[in-house]
Amino acid sequence: MVSNTALGAPYLTEHPQHAISISHTNNQGFAALSFNGPIGLDVDQIIPRPISFVRHCFTVHEQRQATTAHATTAIWCAKEAVSKLIGIGLRIATTDIEITMCSPFRANVTLHNRLERYTHLDIAVKFSYRDHLCFALAHIKRKECIHLRQIG
């Protein structure tokens, strides 16, 4: 059974020592499970986003990277995945999470302002793509045992 913290983060009621993250898009649900620490999963459709969205939600550094719908979606998914890993969701300024794309499959994370208290975590994001969807999985850099499953 899955329950939620006061901030809405899911956890396994009978196994709270394991981390779970859930995302949904286009009537499809996805879950990630970790036996070795917190994770954050976000899945979204790769679609063009308005320039107003990019200017409002992305740092200047991220705006320079967001040159295609693919890159823009990956950066956005990474921000959501990191916010889930920390356990707060998007209850913060999205510019407090800064994504540096290292490749289409990997990104580094820098935390600013109200999130500086989490800078001791060495967070990275891995990406995969399927059926016009971007999957972003945020994790603390170390060996993880992660299993992705489509639900629904």
Protein backbone atom coordinates (compact mmCIF):
# COMPACT_ATOMS: atom_id res chain seq x y z
CA MET A 1 0.00 0.00 0.00
CA VAL A 2 1.20 3.51 -0.82
CA SER A 3 0.63 6.42 1.58
CA ASN A 4 1.71 10.06 1.42
CA THR A 5 3.72 12.32 3.72
CA ALA A 6 2.32 15.69 4.83
CA LEU A 7 4.00 17.23 1.77
CA GLY A 8 2.45 14.63 -0.55
CA ALA A 9 5.52 12.45 -1.15
CA PRO A 10 4.55 8.78 -1.57
CA TYR A 11 5.99 6.01 0.58
CA LEU A 12 5.36 2.30 0.98
CA THR A 13 3.30 1.90 4.15
CA GLU A 14 4.67 -1.53 5.01
CA HIS A 15 8.24 -0.82 3.79
CA PRO A 16 8.99 2.86 4.58
CA GLN A 17 12.74 2.15 4.37
CA HIS A 18 12.40 1.80 0.58
CA ALA A 19 11.93 4.88 -1.59
CA ILE A 20 9.24 5.18 -4.23
CA SER A 21 8.45 7.90 -6.73
CA ILE A 22 5.38 8.07 -8.95
CA SER A 23 4.64 10.03 -12.12
CA HIS A 24 1.87 10.07 -14.68
CA THR A 25 1.23 11.53 -18.10
CA ASN A 26 -1.30 10.81 -20.87
CA ASN A 27 -3.33 8.42 -18.70
CA GLN A 28 -0.23 6.31 -18.01
CA GLY A 29 1.31 5.86 -14.59
CA PHE A 30 4.92 5.04 -13.80
CA ALA A 31 6.74 4.19 -10.58
CA ALA A 32 10.38 3.92 -9.55
CA LEU A 33 11.53 1.96 -6.51
CA SER A 34 14.87 2.26 -4.71
CA PHE A 35 16.24 0.07 -1.96
CA ASN A 36 19.21 2.42 -1.38
CA GLY A 37 17.99 5.95 -0.73
CA PRO A 38 15.69 8.61 -2.10
CA ILE A 39 14.79 8.92 -5.77
CA GLY A 40 12.57 11.15 -7.86
CA LEU A 41 10.85 10.18 -11.10
CA ASP A 42 9.15 12.41 -13.61
CA VAL A 43 7.69 11.46 -16.98
CA ASP A 44 6.37 13.95 -19.51
CA GLN A 45 5.48 14.20 -23.19
CA ILE A 46 8.16 15.69 -25.42
CA ILE A 47 6.32 18.71 -26.79
CA PRO A 48 7.20 22.33 -27.55
CA ARG A 49 6.76 24.64 -24.56
CA PRO A 50 5.95 28.36 -24.83
CA ILE A 51 8.88 30.75 -24.47
CA SER A 52 7.00 32.36 -21.54
CA PHE A 53 7.16 29.01 -19.70
CA VAL A 54 10.91 28.72 -20.31
CA ARG A 55 11.58 32.31 -19.18
CA HIS A 56 9.50 31.88 -16.03
CA CYS A 57 10.64 28.39 -14.94
CA PHE A 58 14.25 28.14 -16.16
CA THR A 59 17.44 29.89 -15.10
CA VAL A 60 19.36 31.87 -17.73
CA HIS A 61 21.82 28.96 -17.97
CA GLU A 62 18.95 26.50 -18.61
CA GLN A 63 17.33 28.83 -21.13
CA ARG A 64 20.53 28.68 -23.20
CA GLN A 65 20.32 24.86 -23.17
CA ALA A 66 16.58 24.71 -24.01
CA THR A 67 17.00 24.98 -27.77
CA THR A 68 14.64 22.13 -28.73
CA ALA A 69 11.43 20.59 -27.42
CA HIS A 70 13.49 17.56 -26.44
CA ALA A 71 15.97 19.58 -24.32
CA THR A 72 13.26 21.76 -22.79
CA THR A 73 11.24 18.71 -21.74
CA ALA A 74 14.32 17.00 -20.30
CA ILE A 75 15.23 20.06 -18.20
CA TRP A 76 11.65 20.39 -16.94
CA CYS A 77 11.39 16.68 -16.10
CA ALA A 78 14.73 16.87 -14.27
CA LYS A 79 13.49 19.78 -12.13
CA GLU A 80 10.36 17.84 -11.16
CA ALA A 81 12.34 14.67 -10.47
CA VAL A 82 14.79 16.53 -8.20
CA SER A 83 11.95 18.18 -6.28
CA LYS A 84 10.45 14.72 -5.71
CA LEU A 85 13.80 13.30 -4.59
CA ILE A 86 14.08 16.05 -1.97
CA GLY A 87 10.49 15.30 -0.94
CA ILE A 88 8.99 18.74 -1.45
CA GLY A 89 7.51 18.60 -4.93
CA LEU A 90 7.18 21.87 -6.82
CA ARG A 91 6.50 23.96 -3.72
CA ILE A 92 9.57 26.07 -4.47
CA ALA A 93 10.76 28.42 -7.17
CA THR A 94 11.73 26.15 -10.05
CA THR A 95 14.79 28.34 -10.66
CA ASP A 96 16.16 27.14 -7.28
CA ILE A 97 16.88 23.84 -9.07
CA GLU A 98 19.38 24.36 -11.89
CA ILE A 99 20.00 21.60 -14.42
CA THR A 100 23.17 21.27 -16.49
CA MET A 101 22.68 18.81 -19.32
CA CYS A 102 25.86 16.74 -19.74
CA SER A 103 24.33 14.69 -22.56
CA PRO A 104 20.80 13.72 -23.63
CA PHE A 105 21.05 10.94 -21.03
CA ARG A 106 22.66 12.61 -18.01
CA ALA A 107 22.52 15.90 -16.10
CA ASN A 108 24.08 17.49 -13.04
CA VAL A 109 22.12 19.51 -10.49
CA THR A 110 22.92 22.73 -8.63
CA LEU A 111 20.61 23.89 -5.84
CA HIS A 112 20.15 27.59 -4.98
CA ASN A 113 18.47 29.86 -2.42
CA ARG A 114 15.97 27.99 -0.22
CA LEU A 115 17.35 24.64 -1.40
CA GLU A 116 20.97 25.34 -0.42
CA ARG A 117 20.45 23.23 2.71
CA TYR A 118 20.40 20.20 0.36
CA THR A 119 23.68 20.98 -1.41
CA HIS A 120 25.47 18.26 0.58
CA LEU A 121 23.53 15.76 -1.54
CA ASP A 122 25.38 14.97 -4.74
CA ILE A 123 22.32 14.74 -7.01
CA ALA A 124 22.39 13.60 -10.62
CA VAL A 125 19.67 12.90 -13.15
CA LYS A 126 19.52 10.12 -15.72
CA PHE A 127 17.18 10.21 -18.72
CA SER A 128 15.59 7.69 -21.03
CA TYR A 129 13.15 8.20 -23.87
CA ARG A 130 10.36 6.08 -25.30
CA ASP A 131 7.18 6.71 -27.31
CA HIS A 132 7.66 10.52 -27.33
CA LEU A 133 8.08 10.49 -23.53
CA CYS A 134 10.98 11.72 -21.45
CA PHE A 135 11.78 9.80 -18.25
CA ALA A 136 13.93 11.65 -15.70
CA LEU A 137 15.21 9.80 -12.65
CA ALA A 138 16.94 11.89 -9.97
CA HIS A 139 19.20 10.04 -7.54
CA ILE A 140 21.99 10.64 -5.11
CA LYS A 141 25.25 9.65 -6.78
CA ARG A 142 26.09 6.19 -5.50
CA LYS A 143 25.25 2.65 -6.48
CA GLU A 144 21.48 2.30 -6.51
CA CYS A 145 19.16 -0.60 -7.01
CA ILE A 146 16.34 0.95 -9.01
CA HIS A 147 13.47 -0.77 -10.79
CA LEU A 148 11.14 1.07 -13.19
CA ARG A 149 7.70 -0.34 -13.88
CA GLN A 150 4.79 0.98 -15.91
CA ILE A 151 1.54 0.88 -13.93
CA GLY A 152 -1.93 1.07 -15.34
